[in-house]
């Protein structure tokens, strides 16, 4: 069984909100010393691209 449009839109909204939150934190880390933060941003972007 597939995912409904409502579930897809919810998932997309959740990922976008998480991405915004992470990017706010990343602005204070321009030298990318917190690798886990930047890796999570990349993973979130990939997931967001898959949802589309």
Protein backbone atom coordinates (compact mmCIF):
# COMPACT_ATOMS: atom_id res chain seq x y z
CA UNK A 1 0.00 0.00 0.00
CA UNK A 2 1.30 3.46 -0.85
CA UNK A 3 1.58 6.61 1.18
CA UNK A 4 -1.31 9.05 1.02
CA UNK A 5 -0.88 12.61 -0.22
CA UNK A 6 -1.58 13.88 3.27
CA UNK A 7 1.21 11.75 4.73
CA UNK A 8 3.60 12.91 2.01
CA UNK A 9 2.84 16.56 2.68
CA UNK A 10 3.24 16.01 6.43
CA UNK A 11 6.58 14.30 5.94
CA UNK A 12 7.76 17.08 3.61
CA UNK A 13 6.71 19.78 6.11
CA UNK A 14 8.48 17.99 8.94
CA UNK A 15 11.68 17.66 6.92
CA UNK A 16 11.58 21.32 5.88
CA UNK A 17 11.12 22.44 9.47
CA UNK A 18 13.99 20.24 10.63
CA UNK A 19 16.19 21.55 7.82
CA UNK A 20 15.49 25.17 8.78
CA UNK A 21 16.34 24.40 12.40
CA UNK A 22 19.61 22.72 11.45
CA UNK A 23 20.61 25.50 9.07
CA UNK A 24 20.13 28.07 11.84
CA UNK A 25 22.58 26.10 13.97
CA UNK A 26 24.96 25.71 11.03
CA UNK A 27 25.20 29.48 10.55
CA UNK A 28 27.09 29.62 13.86
CA UNK A 29 29.50 26.94 12.61
CA UNK A 30 30.95 28.35 9.35
CA UNK A 31 34.15 26.29 9.63
CA UNK A 32 32.13 23.04 9.77
CA UNK A 33 33.72 21.87 13.00
CA UNK A 34 30.52 20.07 14.01
CA UNK A 35 30.59 17.41 11.31
CA UNK A 36 27.55 15.57 12.64
CA UNK A 37 25.42 18.69 12.20
CA UNK A 38 26.49 19.20 8.61
CA UNK A 39 26.09 15.50 7.79
CA UNK A 40 22.55 15.58 9.18
CA UNK A 41 21.78 18.60 6.98
CA UNK A 42 22.96 16.69 3.91
CA UNK A 43 20.92 13.63 4.85
CA UNK A 44 17.82 15.74 5.44
CA UNK A 45 18.25 17.39 2.04
CA UNK A 46 18.52 13.96 0.39
CA UNK A 47 15.38 12.72 2.14
CA UNK A 48 13.53 15.86 1.13
CA UNK A 49 14.58 15.33 -2.49
CA UNK A 50 13.35 11.72 -2.36
CA UNK A 51 9.93 12.80 -1.10
CA UNK A 52 9.43 15.11 -4.11
